[in-house]
Amino acid sequence: MRLLVDSLFLIRPTLLLPVWTLLFWGTTLHRPNAWGMVGFPRAFWLALVSYSLLMGAIYVVNQIFDVETDRINQKLFLLSDGYLSLRHAWMEAILLVGVSLMLGWSLGTAYRWLWVFSLVLGVLYSVPPFVWKGRPFLDLLSNAVGYGGINVLVGWVSLHPWQPGLIPRTLPLVSAVGAVFLLTTIPDIPGDRAAGKQSTGVWLGARKTALLATVMLWLTVLFAARYGDLWVLSVAALSLPLFVAAVVEGGDRWVKLAYRAAGGLFGIATALRFPIFLLLGGLTFLALRLYYQRRFGLTYPSLRGR
């Protein structure tokens, strides 16, 4: 039983929360000001499970190739501390990919193409010799396009046919995800530099990275206004002063405050639009708390954020 539970949490449910968030938002891509979905069709939940399994596999592969740095940084203990073997992790990742494809096959051609793009992007992000997560701007591209673009489109095609003009409509979320991602790289700059990673944060430095994040959030405001997306526009506009403060004041304190506030506001907006997400998020949070407390004696995740 312990092996099964450890295997479940190896897929990092914490990182599945933003996946689910953007899947929900994708369902209203052509109705950006709608208050959520009408009903909860089976196809959406099938897409959510299938895509979650795929992303879980990608997160497992990422940990496989980060096992040494995770051991040094004393985090993600399941592989780095030997609770699960690398062989087990590879077998789990392969199984997850297979089950994900099997479950999602009936969702249509558009979903299958997006599924393939996500898998390829996940491989490019983690697997040598590519390792986009350690290359300037490719790490940004992977996260912004992967979460803000492909992830959102998966939500749409789970309920609707593919339509011309869908991709430009993801631009508000692509730029928003990119902006937040850039700020999250800043506290990691010392560790990334010591590990020899040339992330965007390392390559630009903290101040320029914060400036680029602020520019991308400003673009979010412009894109959201262009497509009449009042939800994204409101979240971005409310977050923008803190991003500016992160540039002007500098330091991890303002940087963390900015990306936590942006994430918190987006979470509140998601709960307002799709109340069932609050239930999903709450159950996931409680499960994580219980698991990490009993397994490792840790209080994780924390409401104080990263």
Protein backbone atom coordinates (compact mmCIF):
# COMPACT_ATOMS: atom_id res chain seq x y z
CA MET A 1 0.00 0.00 0.00
CA ARG A 2 2.81 2.42 0.86
CA LEU A 3 4.38 1.78 -2.56
CA LEU A 4 1.11 2.66 -4.28
CA VAL A 5 0.67 5.85 -2.24
CA ASP A 6 4.27 6.93 -2.87
CA SER A 7 3.77 6.26 -6.58
CA LEU A 8 0.68 8.45 -6.59
CA PHE A 9 2.47 11.38 -4.99
CA LEU A 10 5.49 10.95 -7.24
CA ILE A 11 3.43 12.60 -9.99
CA ARG A 12 3.48 15.81 -7.88
CA PRO A 13 -0.23 16.68 -7.42
CA THR A 14 0.84 20.20 -6.38
CA LEU A 15 1.84 20.89 -9.99
CA LEU A 16 -1.39 19.42 -11.30
CA LEU A 17 -3.39 22.25 -9.70
CA PRO A 18 -2.31 24.83 -12.33
CA VAL A 19 -2.95 22.22 -15.02
CA TRP A 20 -6.54 21.82 -13.82
CA THR A 21 -6.94 25.58 -13.45
CA LEU A 22 -6.04 26.27 -17.05
CA LEU A 23 -8.10 23.34 -18.33
CA PHE A 24 -11.14 24.94 -16.70
CA TRP A 25 -10.32 28.33 -18.21
CA GLY A 26 -9.84 26.78 -21.62
CA THR A 27 -13.45 25.60 -21.72
CA THR A 28 -14.60 29.24 -22.02
CA LEU A 29 -11.97 30.42 -24.50
CA HIS A 30 -14.62 31.90 -26.84
CA ARG A 31 -16.69 33.13 -23.89
CA PRO A 32 -13.97 34.82 -21.83
CA ASN A 33 -16.39 36.51 -19.42
CA ALA A 34 -18.59 33.48 -18.77
CA TRP A 35 -19.17 32.30 -15.22
CA GLY A 36 -17.94 28.78 -15.84
CA MET A 37 -19.17 25.77 -17.78
CA VAL A 38 -22.78 24.80 -18.30
CA GLY A 39 -22.85 21.46 -16.53
CA PHE A 40 -19.86 19.17 -16.27
CA PRO A 41 -19.80 16.89 -19.31
CA ARG A 42 -18.10 13.53 -19.17
CA ALA A 43 -15.68 14.52 -21.96
CA PHE A 44 -14.19 17.31 -19.84
CA TRP A 45 -13.48 15.01 -16.90
CA LEU A 46 -12.04 12.40 -19.25
CA ALA A 47 -9.70 15.04 -20.69
CA LEU A 48 -8.77 16.20 -17.20
CA VAL A 49 -7.82 12.68 -16.10
CA SER A 50 -6.02 11.81 -19.34
CA TYR A 51 -4.04 15.05 -19.47
CA SER A 52 -3.24 14.89 -15.74
CA LEU A 53 -1.73 11.43 -16.22
CA LEU A 54 0.38 12.71 -19.11
CA MET A 55 1.62 15.69 -17.11
CA GLY A 56 2.26 13.40 -14.14
CA ALA A 57 4.49 11.26 -16.37
CA ILE A 58 6.37 14.38 -17.50
CA TYR A 59 6.88 15.43 -13.87
CA VAL A 60 8.23 11.97 -13.02
CA VAL A 61 10.72 12.12 -15.90
CA ASN A 62 11.78 15.58 -14.76
CA GLN A 63 12.55 14.20 -11.30
CA ILE A 64 14.50 11.28 -12.78
CA PHE A 65 16.92 13.66 -14.47
CA ASP A 66 17.01 16.01 -11.45
CA VAL A 67 17.64 13.31 -8.87
CA GLU A 68 21.18 14.44 -8.01
CA THR A 69 20.35 18.15 -7.66
CA ASP A 70 17.23 17.26 -5.64
CA ARG A 71 19.44 15.23 -3.31
CA ILE A 72 21.77 18.20 -2.85
CA ASN A 73 18.87 20.62 -2.33
CA GLN A 74 17.06 18.14 -0.02
CA LYS A 75 13.72 18.24 -1.82
CA LEU A 76 11.39 15.81 -3.64
CA PHE A 77 12.60 12.98 -1.44
CA LEU A 78 10.89 10.02 -3.08
CA LEU A 79 13.58 9.49 -5.72
CA SER A 80 16.50 11.48 -4.34
CA ASP A 81 16.39 9.67 -0.97
CA GLY A 82 15.70 6.26 -2.47
CA TYR A 83 12.12 5.70 -1.31
CA LEU A 84 11.40 4.71 -4.91
CA SER A 85 13.95 3.42 -7.41
CA LEU A 86 14.73 5.03 -10.75
CA ARG A 87 13.60 1.82 -12.43
CA HIS A 88 10.24 2.12 -10.68
CA ALA A 89 9.99 5.76 -11.77
CA TRP A 90 10.65 4.89 -15.42
CA MET A 91 8.07 2.10 -15.34
CA GLU A 92 5.53 4.43 -13.75
CA ALA A 93 6.15 7.16 -16.32
CA ILE A 94 5.71 4.72 -19.22
CA LEU A 95 2.53 3.31 -17.67
CA LEU A 96 1.10 6.79 -17.14
CA VAL A 97 1.77 7.76 -20.75
CA GLY A 98 0.09 4.60 -22.02
CA VAL A 99 -3.01 4.91 -19.84
CA SER A 100 -3.27 8.63 -20.64
CA LEU A 101 -3.27 7.99 -24.38
CA MET A 102 -5.76 5.15 -24.06
CA LEU A 103 -8.19 7.27 -22.03
CA GLY A 104 -7.86 10.32 -24.25
CA TRP A 105 -8.00 8.62 -27.64
CA SER A 106 -11.77 9.01 -27.93
CA LEU A 107 -11.53 12.78 -27.44
CA GLY A 108 -10.69 13.34 -31.09
CA THR A 109 -7.89 14.35 -33.42
CA ALA A 110 -7.35 17.83 -31.98
CA TYR A 111 -6.87 16.45 -28.48
CA ARG A 112 -4.47 13.78 -29.73
CA TRP A 113 -2.31 16.39 -31.48
CA LEU A 114 -2.21 18.58 -28.38
CA TRP A 115 -1.33 15.48 -26.35
CA VAL A 116 1.62 14.78 -28.66
CA PHE A 117 2.81 18.40 -28.51
CA SER A 118 2.72 18.28 -24.70
CA LEU A 119 4.68 15.05 -24.57
CA VAL A 120 7.34 16.37 -26.96
CA LEU A 121 7.61 19.61 -25.01
CA GLY A 122 7.98 17.65 -21.77
CA VAL A 123 10.82 15.60 -23.25
CA LEU A 124 12.57 18.70 -24.58
CA TYR A 125 12.24 20.35 -21.17
CA SER A 126 13.92 17.63 -19.12
CA VAL A 127 15.77 15.08 -21.21
CA PRO A 128 19.41 15.47 -22.37
CA PRO A 129 20.75 16.71 -24.69
CA PHE A 130 17.88 19.20 -24.92
CA VAL A 131 17.20 20.19 -21.28
CA TRP A 132 15.27 23.36 -22.12
CA LYS A 133 14.69 23.99 -18.41
CA GLY A 134 18.36 24.99 -18.19
CA ARG A 135 18.50 27.15 -21.31
CA PRO A 136 17.66 30.86 -21.45
CA PHE A 137 14.28 31.70 -22.97
CA LEU A 138 13.60 28.06 -23.89
CA ASP A 139 12.56 27.48 -20.27
CA LEU A 140 10.24 30.49 -20.56
CA LEU A 141 8.85 29.29 -23.89
CA SER A 142 8.20 25.80 -22.51
CA ASN A 143 6.23 27.02 -19.51
CA ALA A 144 4.35 29.86 -21.20
CA VAL A 145 3.30 27.87 -24.26
CA GLY A 146 2.87 24.57 -22.42
CA TYR A 147 0.62 25.84 -19.64
CA GLY A 148 -0.83 29.02 -21.10
CA GLY A 149 -1.30 27.66 -24.61
CA ILE A 150 -1.50 23.89 -25.04
CA ASN A 151 -3.02 23.30 -21.61
CA VAL A 152 -5.76 25.87 -22.27
CA LEU A 153 -6.51 24.47 -25.72
CA VAL A 154 -6.93 20.99 -24.23
CA GLY A 155 -9.71 22.42 -22.07
CA TRP A 156 -11.41 23.85 -25.14
CA VAL A 157 -11.24 20.76 -27.37
CA SER A 158 -12.55 18.57 -24.55
CA LEU A 159 -15.96 20.22 -25.09
CA HIS A 160 -15.84 21.96 -28.47
CA PRO A 161 -14.57 21.35 -32.01
CA TRP A 162 -11.37 23.05 -33.11
CA GLN A 163 -12.02 26.50 -34.56
CA PRO A 164 -9.93 29.01 -36.52
CA GLY A 165 -8.57 31.79 -34.35
CA LEU A 166 -8.24 29.74 -31.18
CA ILE A 167 -4.47 30.10 -30.81
CA PRO A 168 -4.40 33.94 -30.67
CA ARG A 169 -7.04 33.82 -27.95
CA THR A 170 -4.59 32.01 -25.68
CA LEU A 171 -2.17 34.95 -25.78
CA PRO A 172 -3.45 36.61 -22.57
CA LEU A 173 -2.80 33.41 -20.61
CA VAL A 174 0.46 32.59 -22.42
CA SER A 175 1.91 35.96 -21.46
CA ALA A 176 0.46 35.78 -17.92
CA VAL A 177 1.98 32.36 -17.26
CA GLY A 178 5.30 33.54 -18.72
CA ALA A 179 5.32 36.60 -16.46
CA VAL A 180 4.72 34.60 -13.29
CA PHE A 181 7.21 31.91 -14.33
CA LEU A 182 9.95 34.49 -14.82
CA LEU A 183 9.52 35.84 -11.30
CA THR A 184 9.62 32.34 -9.81
CA THR A 185 13.05 31.79 -11.37
CA ILE A 186 14.60 34.73 -9.52
CA PRO A 187 14.89 33.11 -6.05
CA ASP A 188 16.44 30.07 -7.76
CA ILE A 189 19.23 32.06 -9.44
CA PRO A 190 21.97 31.27 -6.87
CA GLY A 191 21.19 27.54 -6.87
CA ASP A 192 20.82 27.38 -10.66
CA ARG A 193 24.09 29.23 -11.15
CA ALA A 194 25.90 26.89 -8.74
CA ALA A 195 24.47 23.89 -10.60
CA GLY A 196 25.62 25.28 -13.94
CA LYS A 197 22.10 25.92 -15.26
CA GLN A 198 21.73 28.77 -17.71
CA SER A 199 18.10 29.56 -16.98
CA THR A 200 16.56 32.81 -18.14
CA GLY A 201 16.95 34.16 -14.61
CA VAL A 202 20.65 33.32 -14.50
CA TRP A 203 21.26 34.66 -18.01
CA LEU A 204 19.47 37.98 -17.50
CA GLY A 205 20.04 38.52 -13.80
CA ALA A 206 17.38 39.29 -11.22
CA ARG A 207 16.55 42.89 -12.16
CA LYS A 208 16.26 42.32 -15.91
CA THR A 209 14.24 39.15 -15.34
CA ALA A 210 11.78 41.08 -13.17
CA LEU A 211 11.61 43.78 -15.84
CA LEU A 212 10.86 41.23 -18.56
CA ALA A 213 8.17 39.69 -16.34
CA THR A 214 6.57 43.10 -15.89
CA VAL A 215 6.60 43.71 -19.64
CA MET A 216 4.93 40.35 -20.19
CA LEU A 217 2.26 41.14 -17.59
CA TRP A 218 1.64 44.46 -19.34
CA LEU A 219 1.24 42.52 -22.59
CA THR A 220 -1.28 40.35 -20.74
CA VAL A 221 -3.33 43.48 -20.03
CA LEU A 222 -3.18 44.50 -23.69
CA PHE A 223 -4.04 41.03 -25.01
CA ALA A 224 -6.88 40.64 -22.51
CA ALA A 225 -8.29 44.02 -23.52
CA ARG A 226 -8.00 43.05 -27.19
CA TYR A 227 -10.09 39.91 -26.68
CA GLY A 228 -12.41 41.42 -24.09
CA ASP A 229 -11.30 39.05 -21.34
CA LEU A 230 -12.27 40.97 -18.22
CA TRP A 231 -11.23 38.15 -15.88
CA VAL A 232 -7.61 38.01 -17.02
CA LEU A 233 -7.51 41.79 -17.44
CA SER A 234 -8.60 42.32 -13.82
CA VAL A 235 -6.11 39.82 -12.37
CA ALA A 236 -3.22 41.21 -14.43
CA ALA A 237 -4.06 44.87 -13.70
CA LEU A 238 -4.29 44.23 -9.95
CA SER A 239 -0.98 42.33 -9.99
CA LEU A 240 0.92 44.81 -12.14
CA PRO A 241 1.87 47.31 -9.35
CA LEU A 242 3.56 44.52 -7.39
CA PHE A 243 5.52 43.45 -10.47
CA VAL A 244 6.66 47.05 -10.89
CA ALA A 245 7.67 47.10 -7.21
CA ALA A 246 9.69 43.92 -7.77
CA VAL A 247 11.67 45.78 -10.45
CA VAL A 248 12.10 49.03 -8.52
CA GLU A 249 12.72 47.63 -5.05
CA GLY A 250 14.47 44.39 -6.03
CA GLY A 251 15.06 41.55 -3.59
CA ASP A 252 13.33 38.23 -3.12
CA ARG A 253 10.73 39.70 -0.76
CA TRP A 254 9.03 41.81 -3.41
CA VAL A 255 9.51 39.18 -6.09
CA LYS A 256 7.81 36.49 -4.00
CA LEU A 257 5.04 38.87 -2.95
CA ALA A 258 4.35 39.69 -6.62
CA TYR A 259 4.10 36.14 -7.93
CA ARG A 260 2.23 34.87 -4.87
CA ALA A 261 -0.30 37.69 -5.19
CA ALA A 262 -0.76 37.03 -8.91
CA GLY A 263 -1.22 33.30 -8.27
CA GLY A 264 -3.60 33.97 -5.39
CA LEU A 265 -5.74 36.35 -7.42
CA PHE A 266 -5.90 33.90 -10.30
CA GLY A 267 -6.91 31.17 -7.86
CA ILE A 268 -9.69 33.34 -6.44
CA ALA A 269 -10.91 34.13 -9.96
CA THR A 270 -10.91 30.42 -10.81
CA ALA A 271 -12.91 29.55 -7.70
CA LEU A 272 -15.45 32.27 -8.53
CA ARG A 273 -15.84 31.12 -12.14
CA PHE A 274 -15.73 27.38 -11.47
CA PRO A 275 -16.75 26.68 -7.85
CA ILE A 276 -16.08 22.95 -8.22
CA PHE A 277 -12.39 23.79 -8.65
CA LEU A 278 -12.39 24.96 -5.03
CA LEU A 279 -13.47 21.45 -4.00
CA LEU A 280 -10.78 19.82 -6.16
CA GLY A 281 -8.10 22.16 -4.88
CA GLY A 282 -9.17 21.76 -1.27
CA LEU A 283 -9.19 17.97 -1.41
CA THR A 284 -5.78 17.93 -3.10
CA PHE A 285 -4.35 20.32 -0.51
CA LEU A 286 -5.64 18.19 2.37
CA ALA A 287 -4.32 14.98 0.80
CA LEU A 288 -0.89 16.52 0.34
CA ARG A 289 -0.82 17.84 3.91
CA LEU A 290 -1.77 14.45 5.31
CA TYR A 291 0.72 12.55 3.15
CA TYR A 292 3.77 14.76 3.80
CA GLN A 293 3.02 15.01 7.52
CA ARG A 294 2.72 11.25 7.99
CA ARG A 295 5.43 10.23 5.52
CA PHE A 296 8.11 12.86 6.16
CA GLY A 297 6.97 14.89 9.17
CA LEU A 298 6.71 18.02 7.00
CA THR A 299 4.07 20.72 6.82
CA TYR A 300 3.62 20.84 3.05
CA PRO A 301 2.18 22.52 1.09
CA SER A 302 2.07 25.74 3.05
CA LEU A 303 -0.43 28.54 2.53
CA ARG A 304 2.55 30.89 2.78
CA GLY A 305 3.57 29.72 -0.71
CA ARG A 306 6.92 28.90 -2.17
